[in-house]
């Protein structure tokens, strides 16, 4: 399951759902909560945080937060559709590779980094 941060566009959430991917939307369910609260929600049940907020890199690496999976999307508005297709493809075909990882997806590359356990 995906936990979409408040900054994830409705278009992306809608496309994920159309592709059969379960999405819990912070915007729809818990608007205005903190990043720390998002991390806690992502743990039970385990969900991958989908965000455009680079602060999650600090949460994971600077503060060494464990038991978390994050996908950071980086794209311009004209690259949104392409990036969404890449996201759906990786979620449908490589989901196990994303668990306990910090993944950055751009239209040109995917970077998957381990999170120290």
N, C-alpha and C. Protein backbone atom coordinates (compact mmCIF):
# COMPACT_ATOMS: atom_id res chain seq x y z
N UNK A 1 0.83 -1.18 0.00
CA UNK A 1 0.00 0.00 0.00
C UNK A 1 0.88 1.25 0.00
N UNK A 2 0.36 2.28 -0.63
CA UNK A 2 1.06 3.56 -0.72
C UNK A 2 0.40 4.56 0.24
N UNK A 3 1.22 5.32 0.91
CA UNK A 3 0.76 6.43 1.75
C UNK A 3 1.18 7.71 1.05
N UNK A 4 0.23 8.36 0.38
CA UNK A 4 0.52 9.55 -0.41
C UNK A 4 0.53 10.78 0.50
N UNK A 5 1.67 11.45 0.52
CA UNK A 5 1.81 12.69 1.28
C UNK A 5 0.81 13.72 0.73
N UNK A 6 0.56 14.73 1.52
CA UNK A 6 -0.40 15.77 1.17
C UNK A 6 -0.04 16.49 -0.13
N UNK A 7 1.25 16.50 -0.49
CA UNK A 7 1.69 17.25 -1.67
C UNK A 7 1.57 16.45 -2.97
N UNK A 8 1.11 15.22 -2.91
CA UNK A 8 0.97 14.41 -4.13
C UNK A 8 -0.32 14.80 -4.84
N UNK A 9 -0.19 15.16 -6.11
CA UNK A 9 -1.33 15.60 -6.90
C UNK A 9 -2.41 14.52 -6.99
N UNK A 10 -3.65 14.99 -7.04
CA UNK A 10 -4.78 14.06 -7.17
C UNK A 10 -4.64 13.22 -8.45
N UNK A 11 -4.11 13.80 -9.51
CA UNK A 11 -3.93 13.06 -10.76
C UNK A 11 -3.10 11.80 -10.52
N UNK A 12 -2.01 11.92 -9.79
CA UNK A 12 -1.13 10.78 -9.54
C UNK A 12 -1.85 9.74 -8.70
N UNK A 13 -2.53 10.19 -7.66
CA UNK A 13 -3.29 9.26 -6.80
C UNK A 13 -4.34 8.53 -7.62
N UNK A 14 -5.04 9.26 -8.46
CA UNK A 14 -6.08 8.67 -9.30
C UNK A 14 -5.50 7.63 -10.26
N UNK A 15 -4.37 7.95 -10.87
CA UNK A 15 -3.74 7.00 -11.80
C UNK A 15 -3.25 5.74 -11.08
N UNK A 16 -2.72 5.89 -9.88
CA UNK A 16 -2.30 4.73 -9.08
C UNK A 16 -3.50 3.84 -8.79
N UNK A 17 -4.59 4.45 -8.37
CA UNK A 17 -5.81 3.69 -8.06
C UNK A 17 -6.37 3.00 -9.30
N UNK A 18 -6.37 3.68 -10.44
CA UNK A 18 -6.82 3.06 -11.69
C UNK A 18 -5.98 1.84 -12.04
N UNK A 19 -4.70 1.87 -11.65
CA UNK A 19 -3.78 0.75 -11.93
C UNK A 19 -3.92 -0.37 -10.89
N UNK A 20 -4.84 -0.20 -9.95
CA UNK A 20 -5.08 -1.24 -8.95
C UNK A 20 -4.17 -1.15 -7.73
N UNK A 21 -3.52 -0.03 -7.54
CA UNK A 21 -2.62 0.16 -6.40
C UNK A 21 -3.39 0.87 -5.29
N UNK A 22 -3.37 0.28 -4.12
CA UNK A 22 -4.07 0.85 -2.98
C UNK A 22 -3.32 2.08 -2.47
N UNK A 23 -4.04 3.18 -2.33
CA UNK A 23 -3.43 4.45 -1.91
C UNK A 23 -4.21 5.03 -0.74
N UNK A 24 -3.50 5.33 0.33
CA UNK A 24 -4.05 6.09 1.45
C UNK A 24 -3.55 7.51 1.28
N UNK A 25 -4.47 8.46 1.11
CA UNK A 25 -4.10 9.84 0.83
C UNK A 25 -4.17 10.70 2.09
N UNK A 26 -3.04 11.29 2.47
CA UNK A 26 -3.02 12.21 3.62
C UNK A 26 -3.93 13.40 3.33
N UNK A 27 -3.93 13.90 2.10
CA UNK A 27 -4.78 15.04 1.75
C UNK A 27 -6.26 14.71 2.00
N UNK A 28 -6.67 13.50 1.66
CA UNK A 28 -8.07 13.10 1.81
C UNK A 28 -8.43 12.72 3.24
N UNK A 29 -7.47 12.17 3.99
CA UNK A 29 -7.79 11.59 5.30
C UNK A 29 -7.27 12.37 6.51
N UNK A 30 -6.09 12.96 6.42
CA UNK A 30 -5.44 13.57 7.59
C UNK A 30 -4.75 14.88 7.24
N UNK A 31 -5.37 15.70 6.45
CA UNK A 31 -4.77 16.95 5.99
C UNK A 31 -4.18 17.74 7.16
N UNK A 32 -2.95 18.26 6.96
CA UNK A 32 -2.32 19.13 7.94
C UNK A 32 -1.47 18.46 9.00
N UNK A 33 -1.33 17.12 8.94
CA UNK A 33 -0.51 16.46 9.96
C UNK A 33 0.98 16.65 9.65
N UNK A 34 1.82 16.39 10.63
CA UNK A 34 3.26 16.59 10.49
C UNK A 34 3.91 15.41 9.77
N UNK A 35 5.14 15.66 9.30
CA UNK A 35 5.90 14.57 8.67
C UNK A 35 6.13 13.43 9.65
N UNK A 36 6.38 13.76 10.91
CA UNK A 36 6.59 12.73 11.94
C UNK A 36 5.33 11.86 12.08
N UNK A 37 4.16 12.47 12.02
CA UNK A 37 2.92 11.70 12.10
C UNK A 37 2.74 10.84 10.85
N UNK A 38 3.16 11.34 9.70
CA UNK A 38 3.10 10.55 8.47
C UNK A 38 3.97 9.29 8.62
N UNK A 39 5.16 9.47 9.17
CA UNK A 39 6.05 8.32 9.40
C UNK A 39 5.35 7.29 10.28
N UNK A 40 4.72 7.73 11.34
CA UNK A 40 4.05 6.79 12.25
C UNK A 40 2.90 6.07 11.55
N UNK A 41 2.10 6.80 10.78
CA UNK A 41 1.00 6.17 10.04
C UNK A 41 1.54 5.14 9.04
N UNK A 42 2.72 5.41 8.48
CA UNK A 42 3.29 4.49 7.47
C UNK A 42 3.73 3.16 8.05
N UNK A 43 3.81 3.09 9.37
CA UNK A 43 4.33 1.87 9.99
C UNK A 43 3.27 0.82 10.32
N UNK A 44 2.01 1.21 10.47
CA UNK A 44 1.00 0.27 10.90
C UNK A 44 -0.33 0.55 10.21
N UNK A 45 -0.69 -0.23 9.19
CA UNK A 45 0.11 -1.27 8.56
C UNK A 45 1.25 -0.66 7.74
N UNK A 46 2.28 -1.45 7.45
CA UNK A 46 3.42 -0.92 6.69
C UNK A 46 2.99 -0.40 5.32
N UNK A 47 3.41 0.84 5.03
CA UNK A 47 3.10 1.48 3.76
C UNK A 47 4.34 2.20 3.26
N UNK A 48 4.43 2.38 1.96
CA UNK A 48 5.51 3.17 1.37
C UNK A 48 5.03 4.62 1.28
N UNK A 49 5.79 5.54 1.83
CA UNK A 49 5.46 6.96 1.76
C UNK A 49 5.82 7.47 0.37
N UNK A 50 4.85 8.07 -0.29
CA UNK A 50 5.06 8.69 -1.59
C UNK A 50 5.00 10.20 -1.38
N UNK A 51 6.07 10.91 -1.74
CA UNK A 51 6.14 12.33 -1.44
C UNK A 51 6.90 13.09 -2.51
N UNK A 52 6.74 14.40 -2.48
CA UNK A 52 7.57 15.31 -3.26
C UNK A 52 8.39 16.19 -2.33
N UNK A 53 8.36 15.88 -1.04
CA UNK A 53 8.99 16.67 0.01
C UNK A 53 10.39 16.13 0.32
N UNK A 54 11.41 16.92 0.00
CA UNK A 54 12.80 16.49 0.23
C UNK A 54 13.13 16.37 1.72
N UNK A 55 12.27 16.91 2.60
CA UNK A 55 12.50 16.77 4.04
C UNK A 55 12.53 15.30 4.47
N UNK A 56 11.89 14.44 3.71
CA UNK A 56 11.90 13.02 4.07
C UNK A 56 13.30 12.42 3.94
N UNK A 57 14.15 12.99 3.09
CA UNK A 57 15.54 12.53 3.02
C UNK A 57 16.24 12.83 4.34
N UNK A 58 15.98 13.99 4.92
CA UNK A 58 16.54 14.32 6.24
C UNK A 58 16.01 13.38 7.31
N UNK A 59 14.71 13.12 7.27
CA UNK A 59 14.10 12.23 8.26
C UNK A 59 14.78 10.87 8.21
N UNK A 60 15.02 10.37 7.02
CA UNK A 60 15.61 9.04 6.86
C UNK A 60 17.11 9.04 7.15
N UNK A 61 17.85 9.96 6.54
CA UNK A 61 19.31 9.89 6.61
C UNK A 61 19.91 10.72 7.73
N UNK A 62 19.49 11.94 7.92
CA UNK A 62 20.07 12.78 8.97
C UNK A 62 19.64 12.31 10.36
N UNK A 63 18.37 11.92 10.48
CA UNK A 63 17.85 11.48 11.77
C UNK A 63 17.85 9.97 11.91
N UNK A 64 18.33 9.28 10.89
CA UNK A 64 18.49 7.83 10.88
C UNK A 64 17.21 7.10 11.29
N UNK A 65 16.10 7.52 10.71
CA UNK A 65 14.82 6.88 10.97
C UNK A 65 14.81 5.51 10.31
N UNK A 66 14.39 4.52 11.06
CA UNK A 66 14.40 3.14 10.58
C UNK A 66 12.97 2.65 10.36
N UNK A 67 12.85 1.48 9.74
CA UNK A 67 11.55 0.87 9.47
C UNK A 67 10.63 1.80 8.69
N UNK A 68 11.16 2.31 7.60
CA UNK A 68 10.42 3.24 6.77
C UNK A 68 10.82 3.01 5.31
N UNK A 69 9.85 3.21 4.43
CA UNK A 69 10.10 3.12 2.98
C UNK A 69 9.56 4.41 2.37
N UNK A 70 10.37 5.04 1.51
CA UNK A 70 9.99 6.33 0.94
C UNK A 70 10.26 6.33 -0.57
N UNK A 71 9.31 6.89 -1.31
CA UNK A 71 9.53 7.20 -2.72
C UNK A 71 9.40 8.71 -2.86
N UNK A 72 10.48 9.35 -3.32
CA UNK A 72 10.50 10.78 -3.56
C UNK A 72 10.38 11.02 -5.06
N UNK A 73 9.35 11.75 -5.46
CA UNK A 73 9.16 12.08 -6.87
C UNK A 73 9.77 13.44 -7.16
N UNK A 74 10.53 13.53 -8.25
CA UNK A 74 11.14 14.79 -8.70
C UNK A 74 10.84 14.92 -10.19
N UNK A 75 10.06 15.91 -10.56
CA UNK A 75 9.68 16.09 -11.96
C UNK A 75 9.15 17.50 -12.17
N UNK A 76 9.14 17.94 -13.41
CA UNK A 76 8.49 19.20 -13.76
C UNK A 76 7.06 18.85 -14.20
N UNK A 77 6.21 19.84 -14.25
CA UNK A 77 4.82 19.60 -14.60
C UNK A 77 4.67 18.94 -15.97
N UNK A 78 5.53 19.26 -16.90
CA UNK A 78 5.41 18.63 -18.23
C UNK A 78 5.89 17.17 -18.22
N UNK A 79 6.55 16.76 -17.15
CA UNK A 79 7.04 15.38 -17.01
C UNK A 79 6.14 14.53 -16.10
N UNK A 80 5.04 15.12 -15.62
CA UNK A 80 4.18 14.43 -14.65
C UNK A 80 3.64 13.10 -15.16
N UNK A 81 3.10 13.08 -16.37
CA UNK A 81 2.51 11.84 -16.89
C UNK A 81 3.57 10.75 -17.04
N UNK A 82 4.73 11.11 -17.58
CA UNK A 82 5.82 10.14 -17.75
C UNK A 82 6.29 9.61 -16.39
N UNK A 83 6.44 10.50 -15.42
CA UNK A 83 6.88 10.09 -14.09
C UNK A 83 5.85 9.18 -13.44
N UNK A 84 4.58 9.48 -13.62
CA UNK A 84 3.51 8.65 -13.07
C UNK A 84 3.56 7.25 -13.66
N UNK A 85 3.79 7.14 -14.96
CA UNK A 85 3.90 5.83 -15.60
C UNK A 85 5.08 5.04 -15.04
N UNK A 86 6.20 5.70 -14.84
CA UNK A 86 7.38 5.05 -14.26
C UNK A 86 7.06 4.55 -12.85
N UNK A 87 6.40 5.40 -12.07
CA UNK A 87 6.02 5.03 -10.71
C UNK A 87 5.13 3.80 -10.70
N UNK A 88 4.11 3.80 -11.52
CA UNK A 88 3.20 2.65 -11.58
C UNK A 88 3.95 1.38 -11.98
N UNK A 89 4.82 1.49 -12.96
CA UNK A 89 5.60 0.33 -13.41
C UNK A 89 6.46 -0.24 -12.30
N UNK A 90 7.16 0.62 -11.57
CA UNK A 90 8.03 0.11 -10.51
C UNK A 90 7.22 -0.48 -9.35
N UNK A 91 6.07 0.11 -9.06
CA UNK A 91 5.23 -0.44 -8.00
C UNK A 91 4.64 -1.79 -8.38
N UNK A 92 4.26 -1.94 -9.64
CA UNK A 92 3.66 -3.20 -10.08
C UNK A 92 4.69 -4.31 -10.29
N UNK A 93 5.91 -3.95 -10.69
CA UNK A 93 6.89 -4.96 -11.07
C UNK A 93 8.06 -5.14 -10.10
N UNK A 94 8.29 -4.19 -9.23
CA UNK A 94 9.48 -4.26 -8.37
C UNK A 94 9.21 -3.86 -6.93
N UNK A 95 7.99 -3.99 -6.48
CA UNK A 95 7.61 -3.54 -5.14
C UNK A 95 8.53 -4.07 -4.03
N UNK A 96 8.89 -5.36 -4.01
CA UNK A 96 9.76 -5.84 -2.92
C UNK A 96 11.11 -5.11 -2.83
N UNK A 97 11.59 -4.61 -3.96
CA UNK A 97 12.87 -3.89 -3.96
C UNK A 97 12.78 -2.54 -3.25
N UNK A 98 11.58 -2.04 -3.00
CA UNK A 98 11.38 -0.72 -2.44
C UNK A 98 11.20 -0.71 -0.92
N UNK A 99 11.06 -1.88 -0.34
CA UNK A 99 10.82 -1.98 1.10
C UNK A 99 12.11 -1.65 1.86
N UNK A 100 11.96 -0.80 2.89
CA UNK A 100 13.10 -0.33 3.70
C UNK A 100 14.15 0.38 2.84
N UNK A 101 13.69 1.09 1.81
CA UNK A 101 14.57 1.82 0.91
C UNK A 101 14.08 3.25 0.75
N UNK A 102 15.00 4.12 0.33
CA UNK A 102 14.66 5.48 -0.06
C UNK A 102 14.86 5.55 -1.56
N UNK A 103 13.77 5.69 -2.28
CA UNK A 103 13.79 5.65 -3.74
C UNK A 103 13.47 7.04 -4.28
N UNK A 104 14.28 7.49 -5.22
CA UNK A 104 14.01 8.75 -5.91
C UNK A 104 13.70 8.41 -7.36
N UNK A 105 12.55 8.94 -7.83
CA UNK A 105 12.14 8.69 -9.20
C UNK A 105 12.07 10.02 -9.93
N UNK A 106 12.80 10.09 -11.05
CA UNK A 106 12.73 11.22 -11.97
C UNK A 106 12.38 10.63 -13.34
N UNK A 107 12.05 11.47 -14.30
CA UNK A 107 11.75 10.91 -15.63
C UNK A 107 12.95 10.22 -16.28
N UNK A 108 14.15 10.54 -15.81
CA UNK A 108 15.36 9.99 -16.45
C UNK A 108 16.04 8.88 -15.66
N UNK A 109 15.75 8.77 -14.35
CA UNK A 109 16.40 7.70 -13.60
C UNK A 109 15.65 7.37 -12.32
N UNK A 110 15.96 6.18 -11.83
CA UNK A 110 15.44 5.70 -10.56
C UNK A 110 16.65 5.39 -9.68
N UNK A 111 16.67 5.95 -8.50
CA UNK A 111 17.77 5.70 -7.56
C UNK A 111 17.18 5.08 -6.31
N UNK A 112 17.67 3.89 -5.95
CA UNK A 112 17.20 3.18 -4.76
C UNK A 112 18.36 3.08 -3.78
N UNK A 113 18.16 3.65 -2.60
CA UNK A 113 19.22 3.63 -1.58
C UNK A 113 18.73 2.85 -0.35
N UNK A 114 19.65 2.08 0.21
CA UNK A 114 19.34 1.36 1.44
C UNK A 114 19.18 2.32 2.59
N UNK A 115 18.33 1.95 3.50
CA UNK A 115 18.18 2.68 4.75
C UNK A 115 18.83 1.80 5.81
N UNK A 116 19.77 2.37 6.54
CA UNK A 116 20.49 1.59 7.55
C UNK A 116 19.52 1.01 8.56
N UNK A 117 19.66 -0.27 8.81
CA UNK A 117 18.76 -0.96 9.76
C UNK A 117 19.38 -1.08 11.12
